Amino acid sequence: MSTAIAISPMENTANIQEYAHEYGENKYRYGKTGTDFLSTKEPEIRPCSPKFLTPVLDLNRPREDIKQRWSGKVISATDQELTVRLEDLTNRDNPDELIVLSRDEIDDKDQSLVKPGALFYWYIGYRQGFKYSKERISIIRFRRLPSWTTKEIQESEKLAEEYANFFLTD
């Protein structure tokens, strides 16, 4: 198996000769242009362009640091508040909690989804960016799953009955 090393154009000739003495002349080495004496010996091996290796950082985009996560289920809802049961996703050893939330905490596009049995996720943390000061955030997102059709429910009940008959017969 051959090894490839990157040799800086700033390295002096003594370092190159030292490498050649230690590892041998036939090791693959990357050169600056691909044609000088430091270039690779095989044409299919090419040095990577460093512009593709550097990650792109968007300094205008704020970074979120989520400290607490819950999975919740709506127990009851009124026009002003809703009672929910929360399961702690950050520390599963904590017991479930029953709390009352103000309806104002729910995003306007999720208001129609608030009904008993609805499932949601609640995240609490911080948002901070290069141009933004640190702020506390609370995000509640309701799950949007397609509802089951009557036909699908009937088919699943029929399949469950077939399995029960198969496994319960001697």
N, C-alpha and C. Protein backbone atom coordinates (compact mmCIF):
# COMPACT_ATOMS: atom_id res chain seq x y z
N MET A 1 0.85 -1.17 0.00
CA MET A 1 0.00 0.00 0.00
C MET A 1 0.89 1.23 0.00
N SER A 2 0.58 2.18 -0.84
CA SER A 2 1.41 3.37 -0.92
C SER A 2 0.81 4.50 -0.10
N THR A 3 1.65 5.41 0.30
CA THR A 3 1.21 6.55 1.08
C THR A 3 1.41 7.82 0.29
N ALA A 4 0.61 8.82 0.57
CA ALA A 4 0.73 10.10 -0.10
C ALA A 4 0.93 11.16 0.96
N ILE A 5 1.83 12.07 0.70
CA ILE A 5 2.04 13.17 1.63
C ILE A 5 1.93 14.47 0.87
N ALA A 6 1.60 15.51 1.57
CA ALA A 6 1.56 16.84 0.96
C ALA A 6 2.81 17.57 1.38
N ILE A 7 3.56 18.05 0.41
CA ILE A 7 4.78 18.77 0.71
C ILE A 7 4.56 20.23 0.36
N SER A 8 4.76 21.07 1.31
CA SER A 8 4.59 22.50 1.12
C SER A 8 5.67 23.03 0.20
N PRO A 9 5.34 24.01 -0.67
CA PRO A 9 6.38 24.59 -1.52
C PRO A 9 7.43 25.34 -0.72
N MET A 10 7.14 25.60 0.56
CA MET A 10 8.06 26.35 1.41
C MET A 10 9.14 25.43 2.01
N GLU A 11 8.94 24.11 1.93
CA GLU A 11 9.93 23.21 2.51
C GLU A 11 11.23 23.28 1.71
N ASN A 12 12.31 23.17 2.43
CA ASN A 12 13.60 23.26 1.73
C ASN A 12 14.02 21.89 1.19
N THR A 13 15.06 21.90 0.40
CA THR A 13 15.51 20.69 -0.26
C THR A 13 16.04 19.66 0.73
N ALA A 14 16.57 20.09 1.86
CA ALA A 14 17.08 19.16 2.86
C ALA A 14 15.97 18.28 3.40
N ASN A 15 14.79 18.86 3.65
CA ASN A 15 13.65 18.07 4.14
C ASN A 15 13.20 17.06 3.10
N ILE A 16 13.22 17.44 1.85
CA ILE A 16 12.80 16.55 0.77
C ILE A 16 13.78 15.38 0.66
N GLN A 17 15.08 15.69 0.71
CA GLN A 17 16.09 14.63 0.64
C GLN A 17 16.01 13.71 1.85
N GLU A 18 15.70 14.30 3.04
CA GLU A 18 15.56 13.50 4.25
C GLU A 18 14.38 12.54 4.10
N TYR A 19 13.27 13.01 3.54
CA TYR A 19 12.11 12.16 3.31
C TYR A 19 12.46 11.03 2.34
N ALA A 20 13.13 11.39 1.25
CA ALA A 20 13.48 10.39 0.24
C ALA A 20 14.41 9.34 0.83
N HIS A 21 15.33 9.76 1.69
CA HIS A 21 16.25 8.81 2.31
C HIS A 21 15.48 7.87 3.25
N GLU A 22 14.51 8.41 4.01
CA GLU A 22 13.78 7.60 5.00
C GLU A 22 12.74 6.69 4.36
N TYR A 23 12.00 7.18 3.39
CA TYR A 23 10.88 6.41 2.83
C TYR A 23 11.14 5.86 1.44
N GLY A 24 12.16 6.27 0.79
CA GLY A 24 12.45 5.77 -0.54
C GLY A 24 11.94 6.71 -1.62
N GLU A 25 12.49 6.57 -2.80
CA GLU A 25 12.17 7.48 -3.89
C GLU A 25 10.82 7.18 -4.55
N ASN A 26 10.28 5.98 -4.42
CA ASN A 26 9.10 5.60 -5.17
C ASN A 26 7.78 5.88 -4.46
N LYS A 27 7.79 6.58 -3.35
CA LYS A 27 6.54 6.92 -2.66
C LYS A 27 5.84 8.03 -3.44
N TYR A 28 4.52 8.05 -3.36
CA TYR A 28 3.75 9.06 -4.07
C TYR A 28 3.79 10.36 -3.29
N ARG A 29 4.12 11.42 -3.97
CA ARG A 29 4.19 12.73 -3.35
C ARG A 29 3.45 13.73 -4.22
N TYR A 30 2.78 14.66 -3.57
CA TYR A 30 2.05 15.68 -4.31
C TYR A 30 2.93 16.89 -4.54
N GLY A 31 2.93 17.38 -5.74
CA GLY A 31 3.66 18.59 -6.06
C GLY A 31 2.71 19.76 -6.21
N LYS A 32 3.26 20.92 -6.43
CA LYS A 32 2.46 22.13 -6.52
C LYS A 32 1.68 22.18 -7.84
N THR A 33 2.29 21.80 -8.93
CA THR A 33 1.65 21.92 -10.24
C THR A 33 1.21 20.60 -10.83
N GLY A 34 1.68 19.50 -10.32
CA GLY A 34 1.35 18.21 -10.89
C GLY A 34 2.36 17.78 -11.94
N THR A 35 3.34 18.64 -12.27
CA THR A 35 4.33 18.29 -13.29
C THR A 35 5.76 18.40 -12.80
N ASP A 36 5.99 18.94 -11.62
CA ASP A 36 7.36 19.09 -11.15
C ASP A 36 7.87 17.79 -10.53
N PHE A 37 9.09 17.81 -9.99
CA PHE A 37 9.71 16.58 -9.51
C PHE A 37 9.05 16.04 -8.25
N LEU A 38 8.20 16.81 -7.60
CA LEU A 38 7.51 16.33 -6.40
C LEU A 38 6.16 15.70 -6.73
N SER A 39 5.76 15.71 -7.97
CA SER A 39 4.44 15.24 -8.34
C SER A 39 4.32 13.73 -8.18
N THR A 40 3.09 13.27 -8.22
CA THR A 40 2.82 11.85 -8.10
C THR A 40 3.35 11.10 -9.31
N LYS A 41 3.69 9.86 -9.09
CA LYS A 41 4.23 9.03 -10.17
C LYS A 41 3.14 8.43 -11.04
N GLU A 42 1.90 8.33 -10.51
CA GLU A 42 0.81 7.74 -11.27
C GLU A 42 -0.19 8.83 -11.65
N PRO A 43 -0.66 8.84 -12.91
CA PRO A 43 -1.52 9.93 -13.36
C PRO A 43 -2.91 9.94 -12.72
N GLU A 44 -3.42 8.79 -12.21
CA GLU A 44 -4.77 8.79 -11.65
C GLU A 44 -4.83 9.40 -10.25
N ILE A 45 -3.70 9.62 -9.62
CA ILE A 45 -3.67 10.23 -8.30
C ILE A 45 -3.40 11.72 -8.49
N ARG A 46 -4.34 12.54 -8.07
CA ARG A 46 -4.20 13.98 -8.22
C ARG A 46 -4.39 14.65 -6.87
N PRO A 47 -3.67 15.74 -6.64
CA PRO A 47 -3.89 16.46 -5.38
C PRO A 47 -5.26 17.10 -5.36
N CYS A 48 -5.86 17.15 -4.16
CA CYS A 48 -7.17 17.78 -4.00
C CYS A 48 -7.01 19.29 -3.93
N SER A 49 -7.99 19.97 -4.45
CA SER A 49 -7.99 21.42 -4.35
C SER A 49 -8.43 21.83 -2.96
N PRO A 50 -7.68 22.68 -2.26
CA PRO A 50 -8.06 23.06 -0.90
C PRO A 50 -9.35 23.85 -0.83
N LYS A 51 -9.80 24.44 -1.94
CA LYS A 51 -11.03 25.22 -1.88
C LYS A 51 -12.25 24.33 -1.66
N PHE A 52 -12.17 23.04 -1.99
CA PHE A 52 -13.28 22.13 -1.77
C PHE A 52 -13.26 21.53 -0.37
N LEU A 53 -12.15 21.64 0.33
CA LEU A 53 -12.02 21.03 1.63
C LEU A 53 -12.41 21.96 2.77
N THR A 54 -12.44 23.25 2.52
CA THR A 54 -12.76 24.19 3.59
C THR A 54 -14.28 24.29 3.75
N PRO A 55 -14.78 24.15 4.98
CA PRO A 55 -16.22 24.27 5.18
C PRO A 55 -16.67 25.71 5.02
N VAL A 56 -17.88 25.85 4.53
CA VAL A 56 -18.45 27.18 4.33
C VAL A 56 -19.20 27.56 5.60
N LEU A 57 -18.81 28.67 6.20
CA LEU A 57 -19.47 29.16 7.40
C LEU A 57 -20.33 30.35 7.05
N ASP A 58 -21.57 30.30 7.43
CA ASP A 58 -22.48 31.42 7.21
C ASP A 58 -22.58 32.19 8.52
N LEU A 59 -21.88 33.32 8.59
CA LEU A 59 -21.85 34.10 9.81
C LEU A 59 -23.16 34.84 10.06
N ASN A 60 -23.99 34.98 9.05
CA ASN A 60 -25.27 35.67 9.23
C ASN A 60 -26.33 34.77 9.84
N ARG A 61 -26.12 33.47 9.79
CA ARG A 61 -27.10 32.52 10.30
C ARG A 61 -26.85 32.26 11.78
N PRO A 62 -27.87 32.42 12.62
CA PRO A 62 -27.68 32.17 14.05
C PRO A 62 -27.56 30.67 14.35
N ARG A 63 -26.86 30.36 15.44
CA ARG A 63 -26.65 28.98 15.87
C ARG A 63 -27.58 28.70 17.04
N GLU A 64 -28.21 27.53 17.03
CA GLU A 64 -29.11 27.14 18.12
C GLU A 64 -28.45 26.10 18.99
N ASP A 65 -28.59 26.28 20.29
CA ASP A 65 -28.04 25.34 21.27
C ASP A 65 -29.22 24.87 22.12
N ILE A 66 -29.77 23.69 21.78
CA ILE A 66 -30.95 23.16 22.46
C ILE A 66 -30.50 22.49 23.76
N LYS A 67 -31.09 22.94 24.88
CA LYS A 67 -30.74 22.41 26.20
C LYS A 67 -31.73 21.37 26.71
N GLN A 68 -32.99 21.45 26.29
CA GLN A 68 -34.03 20.56 26.80
C GLN A 68 -34.97 20.17 25.66
N ARG A 69 -35.34 18.86 25.62
CA ARG A 69 -36.26 18.34 24.60
C ARG A 69 -37.35 17.54 25.29
N TRP A 70 -38.60 17.74 24.84
CA TRP A 70 -39.71 16.95 25.33
C TRP A 70 -40.54 16.44 24.16
N SER A 71 -41.20 15.33 24.38
CA SER A 71 -42.23 14.82 23.50
C SER A 71 -43.53 14.94 24.27
N GLY A 72 -44.54 15.54 23.65
CA GLY A 72 -45.77 15.80 24.38
C GLY A 72 -47.01 15.28 23.69
N LYS A 73 -48.08 15.16 24.49
CA LYS A 73 -49.38 14.74 23.99
C LYS A 73 -50.43 15.62 24.65
N VAL A 74 -51.32 16.17 23.84
CA VAL A 74 -52.37 17.03 24.36
C VAL A 74 -53.42 16.18 25.05
N ILE A 75 -53.73 16.50 26.33
CA ILE A 75 -54.76 15.80 27.09
C ILE A 75 -56.10 16.49 26.91
N SER A 76 -56.12 17.81 27.08
CA SER A 76 -57.34 18.58 26.86
C SER A 76 -56.96 19.98 26.40
N ALA A 77 -57.88 20.65 25.70
CA ALA A 77 -57.60 21.98 25.16
C ALA A 77 -58.84 22.86 25.24
N THR A 78 -58.62 24.12 25.61
CA THR A 78 -59.67 25.14 25.59
C THR A 78 -59.19 26.28 24.69
N ASP A 79 -59.96 27.36 24.64
CA ASP A 79 -59.56 28.50 23.81
C ASP A 79 -58.34 29.22 24.38
N GLN A 80 -58.12 29.12 25.69
CA GLN A 80 -57.04 29.86 26.34
C GLN A 80 -55.81 29.02 26.68
N GLU A 81 -56.01 27.74 26.99
CA GLU A 81 -54.90 26.91 27.45
C GLU A 81 -55.10 25.45 27.05
N LEU A 82 -54.02 24.69 27.21
CA LEU A 82 -54.10 23.26 26.95
C LEU A 82 -53.31 22.51 28.01
N THR A 83 -53.83 21.36 28.37
CA THR A 83 -53.17 20.48 29.33
C THR A 83 -52.45 19.40 28.54
N VAL A 84 -51.16 19.23 28.86
CA VAL A 84 -50.34 18.28 28.10
C VAL A 84 -49.55 17.38 29.04
N ARG A 85 -49.22 16.20 28.55
CA ARG A 85 -48.33 15.28 29.25
C ARG A 85 -47.00 15.30 28.49
N LEU A 86 -45.91 15.56 29.22
CA LEU A 86 -44.59 15.66 28.61
C LEU A 86 -43.70 14.50 29.02
N GLU A 87 -42.99 13.96 28.04
CA GLU A 87 -41.98 12.93 28.28
C GLU A 87 -40.62 13.58 28.03
N ASP A 88 -39.74 13.53 29.00
CA ASP A 88 -38.42 14.16 28.90
C ASP A 88 -37.52 13.34 27.98
N LEU A 89 -37.12 13.93 26.84
CA LEU A 89 -36.23 13.24 25.90
C LEU A 89 -34.77 13.50 26.21
N THR A 90 -34.48 14.52 27.02
CA THR A 90 -33.10 14.83 27.39
C THR A 90 -32.61 13.87 28.46
N ASN A 91 -33.44 13.63 29.46
CA ASN A 91 -33.09 12.70 30.54
C ASN A 91 -34.27 11.75 30.73
N ARG A 92 -34.15 10.56 30.17
CA ARG A 92 -35.26 9.60 30.19
C ARG A 92 -35.59 9.07 31.58
N ASP A 93 -34.71 9.31 32.55
CA ASP A 93 -34.97 8.86 33.92
C ASP A 93 -36.02 9.72 34.61
N ASN A 94 -36.22 10.94 34.13
CA ASN A 94 -37.22 11.82 34.73
C ASN A 94 -38.63 11.29 34.45
N PRO A 95 -39.54 11.42 35.41
CA PRO A 95 -40.91 10.95 35.18
C PRO A 95 -41.66 11.90 34.24
N ASP A 96 -42.74 11.40 33.65
CA ASP A 96 -43.58 12.25 32.82
C ASP A 96 -44.18 13.37 33.66
N GLU A 97 -44.44 14.50 33.00
CA GLU A 97 -45.00 15.66 33.69
C GLU A 97 -46.33 16.04 33.06
N LEU A 98 -47.25 16.51 33.87
CA LEU A 98 -48.53 17.01 33.40
C LEU A 98 -48.54 18.51 33.65
N ILE A 99 -48.60 19.32 32.58
CA ILE A 99 -48.54 20.77 32.74
C ILE A 99 -49.64 21.44 31.93
N VAL A 100 -49.85 22.72 32.23
CA VAL A 100 -50.82 23.53 31.51
C VAL A 100 -50.04 24.60 30.74
N LEU A 101 -50.26 24.67 29.43
CA LEU A 101 -49.60 25.65 28.57
C LEU A 101 -50.61 26.68 28.09
N SER A 102 -50.16 27.90 27.93
CA SER A 102 -51.00 28.93 27.33
C SER A 102 -51.09 28.65 25.83
N ARG A 103 -52.23 28.93 25.26
CA ARG A 103 -52.43 28.72 23.82
C ARG A 103 -51.56 29.68 23.01
N ASP A 104 -51.11 30.77 23.64
CA ASP A 104 -50.24 31.73 22.96
C ASP A 104 -48.86 31.15 22.65
N GLU A 105 -48.46 30.09 23.34
CA GLU A 105 -47.16 29.45 23.10
C GLU A 105 -47.13 28.71 21.76
N ILE A 106 -48.30 28.39 21.23
CA ILE A 106 -48.41 27.59 20.00
C ILE A 106 -48.37 28.52 18.79
N ASP A 107 -47.59 28.15 17.80
CA ASP A 107 -47.50 28.92 16.56
C ASP A 107 -48.86 28.97 15.87
N ASP A 108 -49.13 30.07 15.15
CA ASP A 108 -50.42 30.25 14.49
C ASP A 108 -50.71 29.14 13.48
N LYS A 109 -49.70 28.67 12.78
CA LYS A 109 -49.95 27.61 11.78
C LYS A 109 -50.23 26.26 12.41
N ASP A 110 -49.93 26.10 13.71
CA ASP A 110 -50.19 24.85 14.41
C ASP A 110 -51.48 24.89 15.24
N GLN A 111 -52.15 26.02 15.32
CA GLN A 111 -53.34 26.15 16.15
C GLN A 111 -54.44 25.16 15.75
N SER A 112 -54.58 24.90 14.47
CA SER A 112 -55.63 23.98 14.01
C SER A 112 -55.33 22.53 14.41
N LEU A 113 -54.09 22.23 14.74
CA LEU A 113 -53.71 20.86 15.11
C LEU A 113 -53.90 20.57 16.59
N VAL A 114 -54.20 21.60 17.38
CA VAL A 114 -54.34 21.43 18.83
C VAL A 114 -55.70 20.80 19.13
N LYS A 115 -55.67 19.53 19.53
CA LYS A 115 -56.85 18.80 19.95
C LYS A 115 -56.40 17.63 20.81
N PRO A 116 -57.25 17.06 21.62
CA PRO A 116 -56.84 15.95 22.48
C PRO A 116 -56.25 14.80 21.64
N GLY A 117 -55.11 14.30 22.10
CA GLY A 117 -54.42 13.21 21.40
C GLY A 117 -53.34 13.67 20.44
N ALA A 118 -53.27 14.97 20.16
CA ALA A 118 -52.26 15.48 19.23
C ALA A 118 -50.87 15.35 19.85
N LEU A 119 -49.90 14.99 19.03
CA LEU A 119 -48.51 14.80 19.48
C LEU A 119 -47.66 15.98 19.01
N PHE A 120 -46.68 16.36 19.84
CA PHE A 120 -45.82 17.49 19.50
C PHE A 120 -44.45 17.32 20.15
N TYR A 121 -43.52 18.15 19.72
CA TYR A 121 -42.18 18.21 20.30
C TYR A 121 -41.96 19.63 20.80
N TRP A 122 -41.27 19.74 21.94
CA TRP A 122 -41.00 21.05 22.55
C TRP A 122 -39.50 21.12 22.82
N TYR A 123 -38.87 22.17 22.29
CA TYR A 123 -37.45 22.38 22.46
C TYR A 123 -37.23 23.72 23.16
N ILE A 124 -36.31 23.73 24.14
CA ILE A 124 -35.94 24.97 24.83
C ILE A 124 -34.42 25.07 24.78
N GLY A 125 -33.94 26.25 24.44
CA GLY A 125 -32.49 26.45 24.36
C GLY A 125 -32.16 27.90 24.11
N TYR A 126 -31.03 28.11 23.42
CA TYR A 126 -30.54 29.45 23.13
C TYR A 126 -30.22 29.57 21.65
N ARG A 127 -30.36 30.79 21.14
CA ARG A 127 -29.99 31.11 19.77
C ARG A 127 -29.03 32.28 19.84
N GLN A 128 -27.91 32.15 19.13
CA GLN A 128 -26.92 33.21 19.12
C GLN A 128 -26.20 33.19 17.80
N GLY A 129 -25.88 34.36 17.29
CA GLY A 129 -25.16 34.45 16.04
C GLY A 129 -24.15 35.57 16.06
N PHE A 130 -23.43 35.70 14.96
CA PHE A 130 -22.40 36.71 14.86
C PHE A 130 -22.99 38.10 15.01
N LYS A 131 -24.13 38.33 14.40
CA LYS A 131 -24.78 39.64 14.45
C LYS A 131 -25.94 39.69 15.45
N TYR A 132 -26.16 38.60 16.18
CA TYR A 132 -27.31 38.52 17.07
C TYR A 132 -26.84 38.31 18.51
N SER A 133 -27.55 38.91 19.43
CA SER A 133 -27.25 38.66 20.84
C SER A 133 -27.88 37.34 21.26
N LYS A 134 -27.44 36.80 22.38
CA LYS A 134 -27.95 35.52 22.86
C LYS A 134 -29.39 35.70 23.34
N GLU A 135 -30.26 34.83 22.87
CA GLU A 135 -31.67 34.89 23.27
C GLU A 135 -32.18 33.50 23.58
N ARG A 136 -33.12 33.42 24.52
CA ARG A 136 -33.73 32.14 24.87
C ARG A 136 -34.84 31.84 23.87
N ILE A 137 -34.91 30.57 23.44
CA ILE A 137 -35.94 30.18 22.49
C ILE A 137 -36.76 29.03 23.05
N SER A 138 -38.01 28.97 22.66
CA SER A 138 -38.91 27.88 22.99
C SER A 138 -39.68 27.56 21.72
N ILE A 139 -39.50 26.35 21.21
CA ILE A 139 -40.11 25.95 19.94
C ILE A 139 -41.03 24.77 20.19
N ILE A 140 -42.29 24.91 19.81
CA ILE A 140 -43.26 23.82 19.90
C ILE A 140 -43.72 23.50 18.48
N ARG A 141 -43.51 22.27 18.05
CA ARG A 141 -43.90 21.82 16.70
C ARG A 141 -44.79 20.60 16.81
N PHE A 142 -45.97 20.69 16.24
CA PHE A 142 -46.90 19.56 16.24
C PHE A 142 -46.57 18.63 15.09
N ARG A 143 -46.77 17.34 15.33
CA ARG A 143 -46.52 16.33 14.31
C ARG A 143 -47.62 16.39 13.27
N ARG A 144 -47.21 16.27 12.04
CA ARG A 144 -48.15 16.30 10.92
C ARG A 144 -48.09 14.96 10.20
N LEU A 145 -48.86 14.02 10.68
CA LEU A 145 -48.93 12.71 10.06
C LEU A 145 -50.26 12.58 9.35
N PRO A 146 -50.28 11.92 8.20
CA PRO A 146 -51.57 11.73 7.52
C PRO A 146 -52.48 10.85 8.37
N SER A 147 -53.75 11.18 8.36
CA SER A 147 -54.70 10.37 9.14
C SER A 147 -55.02 9.08 8.39
N TRP A 148 -55.39 8.05 9.17
CA TRP A 148 -55.71 6.76 8.60
C TRP A 148 -57.09 6.83 7.94
N THR A 149 -57.21 6.21 6.79
CA THR A 149 -58.51 6.13 6.13
C THR A 149 -59.30 4.96 6.72
N THR A 150 -60.60 4.98 6.51
CA THR A 150 -61.47 3.90 7.00
C THR A 150 -61.06 2.57 6.38
N LYS A 151 -60.70 2.58 5.11
CA LYS A 151 -60.29 1.36 4.42
C LYS A 151 -59.02 0.78 5.06
N GLU A 152 -58.03 1.64 5.38
CA GLU A 152 -56.80 1.18 6.00
C GLU A 152 -57.06 0.58 7.38
N ILE A 153 -57.95 1.18 8.14
CA ILE A 153 -58.29 0.66 9.47
C ILE A 153 -58.96 -0.70 9.34
N GLN A 154 -59.90 -0.84 8.39
CA GLN A 154 -60.58 -2.12 8.20
C GLN A 154 -59.60 -3.21 7.75
N GLU A 155 -58.66 -2.87 6.85
CA GLU A 155 -57.68 -3.85 6.40
C GLU A 155 -56.76 -4.29 7.54
N SER A 156 -56.36 -3.36 8.39
CA SER A 156 -55.47 -3.72 9.51
C SER A 156 -56.22 -4.57 10.54
N GLU A 157 -57.51 -4.29 10.77
CA GLU A 157 -58.30 -5.11 11.69
C GLU A 157 -58.47 -6.52 11.14
N LYS A 158 -58.69 -6.64 9.83
CA LYS A 158 -58.82 -7.95 9.19
C LYS A 158 -57.52 -8.74 9.30
N LEU A 159 -56.39 -8.08 9.06
CA LEU A 159 -55.09 -8.73 9.15
C LEU A 159 -54.81 -9.16 10.60
N ALA A 160 -55.16 -8.33 11.57
CA ALA A 160 -54.96 -8.68 12.98
C ALA A 160 -55.80 -9.89 13.36
N GLU A 161 -57.02 -9.96 12.84
CA GLU A 161 -57.90 -11.11 13.12
C GLU A 161 -57.32 -12.39 12.51
N GLU A 162 -56.76 -12.30 11.29
CA GLU A 162 -56.13 -13.46 10.65
C GLU A 162 -54.93 -13.95 11.46
N TYR A 163 -54.10 -13.02 11.92
CA TYR A 163 -52.94 -13.40 12.74
C TYR A 163 -53.39 -14.03 14.06
N ALA A 164 -54.42 -13.46 14.68
CA ALA A 164 -54.91 -14.01 15.95
C ALA A 164 -55.43 -15.42 15.75
N ASN A 165 -56.17 -15.67 14.68
CA ASN A 165 -56.68 -17.01 14.41
C ASN A 165 -55.54 -17.99 14.12
N PHE A 166 -54.51 -17.56 13.41
CA PHE A 166 -53.39 -18.41 13.08
C PHE A 166 -52.62 -18.82 14.33
N PHE A 167 -52.32 -17.86 15.20
CA PHE A 167 -51.49 -18.13 16.36
C PHE A 167 -52.25 -18.77 17.52
N LEU A 168 -53.57 -18.60 17.56
CA LEU A 168 -54.35 -19.16 18.68
C LEU A 168 -54.86 -20.56 18.41
N THR A 169 -54.77 -21.04 17.17
CA THR A 169 -55.23 -22.41 16.87
C THR A 169 -54.13 -23.40 17.20
N ASP A 170 -54.54 -24.58 17.66
CA ASP A 170 -53.56 -25.62 18.02
C ASP A 170 -53.34 -26.55 16.88
